[in-house]
Amino acid sequence: MPLGLTNALTIFMDLMNRVCKPYLDKFVIVFIDDILMYSKDENEHEEHLKAILELLKKEELYAKFSKCEFWIPKVQFLSHMINNQGIHVDPAKIKSVKNWASPKLPTKTRQFLGLAGY
């Protein structure tokens, strides 16, 4: 991709979605330059990993090995914790809300309710 391309992010996301389309929402999630894979067990994960790596090789796309993580039981992604139990809010975010001082003014109450409404 040429340096300075104004829509580079959009074009790259479109490319990744088109390349991974056969596997999207089956065992792959693509977000910007992240590829998340999920599987029921290690054998299935190995098959999924092989399929994705072959797909990337076929399309002449390469992953930097030092930035890859394999067979991890949980991952923190977009302020959420994802594991075999499902998707949860990051515990660090919950802790900061629990430690929030009680609002005394109407504007502070509205600010807190805006956050809590998320």
N, C-alpha and C. Protein backbone atom coordinates (compact mmCIF):
# COMPACT_ATOMS: atom_id res chain seq x y z
N MET A 1 0.85 -1.17 0.00
CA MET A 1 0.00 0.00 0.00
C MET A 1 0.90 1.24 0.00
N PRO A 2 0.67 2.18 -0.88
CA PRO A 2 1.52 3.37 -0.95
C PRO A 2 1.45 4.20 0.33
N LEU A 3 2.59 4.75 0.71
CA LEU A 3 2.66 5.61 1.88
C LEU A 3 1.88 6.89 1.61
N GLY A 4 1.11 7.33 2.58
CA GLY A 4 0.38 8.59 2.45
C GLY A 4 -0.99 8.44 1.81
N LEU A 5 -1.41 7.23 1.53
CA LEU A 5 -2.73 7.01 0.97
C LEU A 5 -3.77 7.42 2.00
N THR A 6 -4.66 8.36 1.65
CA THR A 6 -5.57 8.93 2.65
C THR A 6 -6.58 7.92 3.17
N ASN A 7 -6.99 6.98 2.37
CA ASN A 7 -7.98 5.99 2.80
C ASN A 7 -7.33 4.64 3.09
N ALA A 8 -6.07 4.64 3.48
CA ALA A 8 -5.33 3.40 3.66
C ALA A 8 -6.01 2.46 4.65
N LEU A 9 -6.48 2.97 5.77
CA LEU A 9 -7.11 2.13 6.78
C LEU A 9 -8.36 1.47 6.22
N THR A 10 -9.19 2.23 5.55
CA THR A 10 -10.43 1.70 4.97
C THR A 10 -10.11 0.64 3.92
N ILE A 11 -9.15 0.92 3.08
CA ILE A 11 -8.77 -0.02 2.03
C ILE A 11 -8.20 -1.30 2.63
N PHE A 12 -7.36 -1.16 3.67
CA PHE A 12 -6.78 -2.33 4.30
C PHE A 12 -7.85 -3.18 4.98
N MET A 13 -8.79 -2.53 5.68
CA MET A 13 -9.86 -3.27 6.34
C MET A 13 -10.71 -4.01 5.30
N ASP A 14 -10.99 -3.34 4.19
CA ASP A 14 -11.77 -3.97 3.13
C ASP A 14 -11.02 -5.18 2.57
N LEU A 15 -9.72 -5.04 2.36
CA LEU A 15 -8.90 -6.14 1.87
C LEU A 15 -8.96 -7.32 2.84
N MET A 16 -8.74 -7.06 4.12
CA MET A 16 -8.74 -8.13 5.11
C MET A 16 -10.10 -8.82 5.21
N ASN A 17 -11.17 -8.03 5.13
CA ASN A 17 -12.51 -8.63 5.17
C ASN A 17 -12.77 -9.49 3.94
N ARG A 18 -12.31 -9.05 2.77
CA ARG A 18 -12.50 -9.85 1.55
C ARG A 18 -11.66 -11.12 1.60
N VAL A 19 -10.42 -11.00 2.07
CA VAL A 19 -9.54 -12.17 2.14
C VAL A 19 -10.07 -13.21 3.13
N CYS A 20 -10.53 -12.76 4.28
CA CYS A 20 -10.98 -13.67 5.34
C CYS A 20 -12.46 -14.02 5.27
N LYS A 21 -13.15 -13.54 4.25
CA LYS A 21 -14.60 -13.72 4.15
C LYS A 21 -15.07 -15.17 4.34
N PRO A 22 -14.39 -16.18 3.78
CA PRO A 22 -14.89 -17.55 3.97
C PRO A 22 -14.95 -17.98 5.44
N TYR A 23 -14.15 -17.35 6.28
CA TYR A 23 -14.05 -17.78 7.68
C TYR A 23 -14.62 -16.77 8.67
N LEU A 24 -15.02 -15.59 8.19
CA LEU A 24 -15.54 -14.56 9.10
C LEU A 24 -16.76 -15.07 9.85
N ASP A 25 -16.80 -14.81 11.13
CA ASP A 25 -17.88 -15.19 12.04
C ASP A 25 -18.07 -16.70 12.16
N LYS A 26 -17.16 -17.47 11.59
CA LYS A 26 -17.15 -18.91 11.82
C LYS A 26 -16.10 -19.24 12.87
N PHE A 27 -14.91 -18.67 12.67
CA PHE A 27 -13.86 -18.80 13.68
C PHE A 27 -12.86 -17.65 13.61
N VAL A 28 -13.18 -16.60 12.85
CA VAL A 28 -12.27 -15.46 12.69
C VAL A 28 -13.03 -14.15 12.84
N ILE A 29 -12.39 -13.21 13.51
CA ILE A 29 -12.86 -11.82 13.59
C ILE A 29 -11.70 -10.96 13.13
N VAL A 30 -11.96 -10.04 12.21
CA VAL A 30 -10.92 -9.13 11.72
C VAL A 30 -11.30 -7.72 12.12
N PHE A 31 -10.37 -7.00 12.75
CA PHE A 31 -10.59 -5.60 13.11
C PHE A 31 -9.30 -4.85 12.84
N ILE A 32 -9.36 -3.95 11.87
CA ILE A 32 -8.22 -3.18 11.40
C ILE A 32 -7.08 -4.14 11.04
N ASP A 33 -6.02 -4.23 11.85
CA ASP A 33 -4.92 -5.13 11.51
C ASP A 33 -4.81 -6.29 12.50
N ASP A 34 -5.90 -6.56 13.22
CA ASP A 34 -5.92 -7.68 14.16
C ASP A 34 -6.77 -8.80 13.58
N ILE A 35 -6.29 -10.01 13.70
CA ILE A 35 -7.05 -11.20 13.32
C ILE A 35 -7.21 -12.03 14.58
N LEU A 36 -8.44 -12.17 15.05
CA LEU A 36 -8.73 -12.98 16.23
C LEU A 36 -9.34 -14.29 15.76
N MET A 37 -8.82 -15.39 16.28
CA MET A 37 -9.35 -16.71 15.96
C MET A 37 -9.85 -17.35 17.23
N TYR A 38 -10.96 -18.07 17.13
CA TYR A 38 -11.51 -18.76 18.29
C TYR A 38 -11.88 -20.18 17.90
N SER A 39 -11.66 -21.10 18.83
CA SER A 39 -11.89 -22.52 18.58
C SER A 39 -12.36 -23.19 19.85
N LYS A 40 -12.96 -24.37 19.70
CA LYS A 40 -13.46 -25.11 20.85
C LYS A 40 -12.35 -25.85 21.59
N ASP A 41 -11.35 -26.32 20.85
CA ASP A 41 -10.24 -27.04 21.47
C ASP A 41 -8.96 -26.80 20.68
N GLU A 42 -7.86 -27.32 21.19
CA GLU A 42 -6.55 -27.06 20.57
C GLU A 42 -6.42 -27.67 19.18
N ASN A 43 -6.99 -28.86 18.97
CA ASN A 43 -6.91 -29.49 17.65
C ASN A 43 -7.65 -28.66 16.61
N GLU A 44 -8.83 -28.21 16.97
CA GLU A 44 -9.61 -27.37 16.06
C GLU A 44 -8.87 -26.04 15.81
N HIS A 45 -8.25 -25.52 16.87
CA HIS A 45 -7.51 -24.27 16.74
C HIS A 45 -6.33 -24.44 15.78
N GLU A 46 -5.68 -25.57 15.86
CA GLU A 46 -4.56 -25.84 14.95
C GLU A 46 -5.03 -25.87 13.49
N GLU A 47 -6.19 -26.48 13.25
CA GLU A 47 -6.76 -26.51 11.89
C GLU A 47 -7.11 -25.11 11.42
N HIS A 48 -7.73 -24.33 12.31
CA HIS A 48 -8.11 -22.96 11.96
C HIS A 48 -6.87 -22.11 11.67
N LEU A 49 -5.86 -22.26 12.50
CA LEU A 49 -4.62 -21.51 12.32
C LEU A 49 -3.96 -21.85 10.98
N LYS A 50 -3.92 -23.13 10.67
CA LYS A 50 -3.34 -23.56 9.40
C LYS A 50 -4.12 -22.97 8.22
N ALA A 51 -5.45 -22.98 8.30
CA ALA A 51 -6.28 -22.45 7.22
C ALA A 51 -6.03 -20.95 7.02
N ILE A 52 -5.94 -20.20 8.12
CA ILE A 52 -5.72 -18.75 8.01
C ILE A 52 -4.32 -18.45 7.49
N LEU A 53 -3.32 -19.15 7.99
CA LEU A 53 -1.95 -18.91 7.52
C LEU A 53 -1.79 -19.25 6.04
N GLU A 54 -2.44 -20.33 5.60
CA GLU A 54 -2.40 -20.68 4.17
C GLU A 54 -3.11 -19.62 3.34
N LEU A 55 -4.22 -19.12 3.86
CA LEU A 55 -4.97 -18.08 3.15
C LEU A 55 -4.13 -16.81 3.01
N LEU A 56 -3.48 -16.41 4.09
CA LEU A 56 -2.63 -15.22 4.05
C LEU A 56 -1.46 -15.42 3.08
N LYS A 57 -0.88 -16.61 3.10
CA LYS A 57 0.23 -16.90 2.19
C LYS A 57 -0.24 -16.83 0.74
N LYS A 58 -1.40 -17.40 0.47
CA LYS A 58 -1.95 -17.39 -0.89
C LYS A 58 -2.16 -15.97 -1.40
N GLU A 59 -2.59 -15.09 -0.50
CA GLU A 59 -2.86 -13.69 -0.86
C GLU A 59 -1.61 -12.82 -0.75
N GLU A 60 -0.48 -13.44 -0.40
CA GLU A 60 0.79 -12.73 -0.24
C GLU A 60 0.72 -11.65 0.84
N LEU A 61 0.04 -11.98 1.93
CA LEU A 61 -0.02 -11.13 3.11
C LEU A 61 0.80 -11.81 4.20
N TYR A 62 1.52 -11.02 4.97
CA TYR A 62 2.43 -11.59 5.95
C TYR A 62 2.16 -11.00 7.33
N ALA A 63 2.31 -11.85 8.34
CA ALA A 63 2.17 -11.43 9.73
C ALA A 63 3.55 -11.40 10.37
N LYS A 64 3.78 -10.39 11.17
CA LYS A 64 5.06 -10.30 11.89
C LYS A 64 4.99 -11.24 13.09
N PHE A 65 5.83 -12.26 13.10
CA PHE A 65 5.77 -13.31 14.11
C PHE A 65 5.87 -12.75 15.53
N SER A 66 6.68 -11.73 15.73
CA SER A 66 6.87 -11.17 17.08
C SER A 66 5.60 -10.50 17.61
N LYS A 67 4.66 -10.18 16.73
CA LYS A 67 3.41 -9.55 17.17
C LYS A 67 2.27 -10.56 17.29
N CYS A 68 2.55 -11.81 17.01
CA CYS A 68 1.51 -12.85 17.05
C CYS A 68 1.51 -13.56 18.40
N GLU A 69 0.32 -13.96 18.83
CA GLU A 69 0.17 -14.77 20.03
C GLU A 69 -0.70 -15.96 19.66
N PHE A 70 -0.29 -17.15 20.08
CA PHE A 70 -1.00 -18.37 19.73
C PHE A 70 -1.44 -19.12 20.98
N TRP A 71 -2.56 -19.79 20.88
CA TRP A 71 -3.10 -20.65 21.92
C TRP A 71 -3.20 -19.95 23.28
N ILE A 72 -3.71 -18.74 23.27
CA ILE A 72 -3.90 -18.04 24.54
C ILE A 72 -5.34 -18.25 24.99
N PRO A 73 -5.57 -18.53 26.27
CA PRO A 73 -6.93 -18.83 26.75
C PRO A 73 -7.83 -17.61 26.87
N LYS A 74 -7.24 -16.42 26.98
CA LYS A 74 -8.05 -15.21 27.06
C LYS A 74 -7.29 -14.07 26.41
N VAL A 75 -8.04 -13.09 25.92
CA VAL A 75 -7.42 -11.95 25.25
C VAL A 75 -8.16 -10.68 25.64
N GLN A 76 -7.41 -9.61 25.85
CA GLN A 76 -8.00 -8.30 26.11
C GLN A 76 -8.05 -7.58 24.77
N PHE A 77 -9.26 -7.16 24.36
CA PHE A 77 -9.44 -6.57 23.04
C PHE A 77 -10.53 -5.51 23.12
N LEU A 78 -10.20 -4.30 22.71
CA LEU A 78 -11.15 -3.17 22.70
C LEU A 78 -11.85 -3.00 24.05
N SER A 79 -11.08 -2.99 25.12
CA SER A 79 -11.56 -2.81 26.50
C SER A 79 -12.51 -3.92 26.95
N HIS A 80 -12.40 -5.08 26.36
CA HIS A 80 -13.18 -6.24 26.77
C HIS A 80 -12.25 -7.43 26.97
N MET A 81 -12.66 -8.34 27.82
CA MET A 81 -11.92 -9.57 28.05
C MET A 81 -12.71 -10.70 27.37
N ILE A 82 -12.05 -11.42 26.48
CA ILE A 82 -12.69 -12.50 25.74
C ILE A 82 -12.03 -13.80 26.16
N ASN A 83 -12.86 -14.77 26.60
CA ASN A 83 -12.34 -16.08 26.99
C ASN A 83 -13.37 -17.14 26.63
N ASN A 84 -13.17 -18.37 27.11
CA ASN A 84 -14.10 -19.45 26.76
C ASN A 84 -15.47 -19.29 27.41
N GLN A 85 -15.59 -18.38 28.35
CA GLN A 85 -16.88 -18.11 28.99
C GLN A 85 -17.69 -17.06 28.23
N GLY A 86 -17.05 -16.33 27.32
CA GLY A 86 -17.74 -15.29 26.55
C GLY A 86 -16.96 -13.98 26.56
N ILE A 87 -17.70 -12.90 26.33
CA ILE A 87 -17.12 -11.56 26.28
C ILE A 87 -17.53 -10.81 27.53
N HIS A 88 -16.57 -10.22 28.21
CA HIS A 88 -16.82 -9.51 29.46
C HIS A 88 -16.14 -8.15 29.41
N VAL A 89 -16.66 -7.22 30.19
CA VAL A 89 -16.01 -5.92 30.32
C VAL A 89 -14.69 -6.12 31.06
N ASP A 90 -13.68 -5.40 30.66
CA ASP A 90 -12.36 -5.49 31.27
C ASP A 90 -12.48 -5.19 32.77
N PRO A 91 -11.99 -6.07 33.64
CA PRO A 91 -12.08 -5.85 35.09
C PRO A 91 -11.48 -4.52 35.55
N ALA A 92 -10.48 -4.01 34.87
CA ALA A 92 -9.88 -2.72 35.24
C ALA A 92 -10.90 -1.60 35.06
N LYS A 93 -11.75 -1.70 34.05
CA LYS A 93 -12.79 -0.68 33.83
C LYS A 93 -13.84 -0.75 34.93
N ILE A 94 -14.22 -1.95 35.33
CA ILE A 94 -15.21 -2.11 36.39
C ILE A 94 -14.66 -1.55 37.70
N LYS A 95 -13.39 -1.81 37.97
CA LYS A 95 -12.77 -1.33 39.21
C LYS A 95 -12.82 0.19 39.29
N SER A 96 -12.53 0.88 38.18
CA SER A 96 -12.54 2.34 38.21
C SER A 96 -13.95 2.88 38.44
N VAL A 97 -14.97 2.20 37.93
CA VAL A 97 -16.35 2.65 38.16
C VAL A 97 -16.75 2.39 39.61
N LYS A 98 -16.35 1.25 40.17
CA LYS A 98 -16.66 0.94 41.57
C LYS A 98 -16.02 1.95 42.52
N ASN A 99 -14.84 2.43 42.18
CA ASN A 99 -14.12 3.38 43.03
C ASN A 99 -14.51 4.83 42.78
N TRP A 100 -15.45 5.06 41.89
CA TRP A 100 -15.89 6.40 41.55
C TRP A 100 -16.56 7.04 42.77
N ALA A 101 -16.21 8.27 43.08
CA ALA A 101 -16.83 8.99 44.21
C ALA A 101 -18.30 9.26 43.90
N SER A 102 -19.13 9.23 44.94
CA SER A 102 -20.56 9.49 44.75
C SER A 102 -20.76 10.91 44.25
N PRO A 103 -21.56 11.08 43.19
CA PRO A 103 -21.79 12.42 42.65
C PRO A 103 -22.63 13.27 43.59
N LYS A 104 -22.25 14.52 43.74
CA LYS A 104 -22.98 15.44 44.63
C LYS A 104 -23.76 16.49 43.85
N LEU A 105 -23.34 16.79 42.64
CA LEU A 105 -23.98 17.81 41.81
C LEU A 105 -24.74 17.16 40.66
N PRO A 106 -25.81 17.82 40.18
CA PRO A 106 -26.57 17.26 39.05
C PRO A 106 -25.71 16.99 37.81
N THR A 107 -24.76 17.87 37.52
CA THR A 107 -23.92 17.65 36.33
C THR A 107 -23.04 16.41 36.50
N LYS A 108 -22.54 16.20 37.71
CA LYS A 108 -21.72 15.02 37.98
C LYS A 108 -22.57 13.74 37.90
N THR A 109 -23.83 13.84 38.36
CA THR A 109 -24.74 12.70 38.27
C THR A 109 -25.00 12.35 36.81
N ARG A 110 -25.24 13.37 35.97
CA ARG A 110 -25.47 13.13 34.54
C ARG A 110 -24.24 12.51 33.89
N GLN A 111 -23.05 12.99 34.27
CA GLN A 111 -21.83 12.42 33.71
C GLN A 111 -21.71 10.93 34.05
N PHE A 112 -22.00 10.61 35.32
CA PHE A 112 -21.91 9.21 35.73
C PHE A 112 -22.95 8.35 35.02
N LEU A 113 -24.17 8.86 34.90
CA LEU A 113 -25.22 8.11 34.22
C LEU A 113 -24.89 7.90 32.74
N GLY A 114 -24.24 8.90 32.14
CA GLY A 114 -23.80 8.75 30.75
C GLY A 114 -22.79 7.62 30.62
N LEU A 115 -21.86 7.53 31.56
CA LEU A 115 -20.87 6.46 31.56
C LEU A 115 -21.55 5.11 31.83
N ALA A 116 -22.42 5.09 32.83
CA ALA A 116 -23.08 3.84 33.21
C ALA A 116 -24.01 3.34 32.11
N GLY A 117 -24.53 4.24 31.30
CA GLY A 117 -25.42 3.85 30.21
C GLY A 117 -24.71 3.09 29.12
N TYR A 118 -23.38 3.17 29.10
CA TYR A 118 -22.61 2.44 28.10
C TYR A 118 -22.80 0.97 28.33
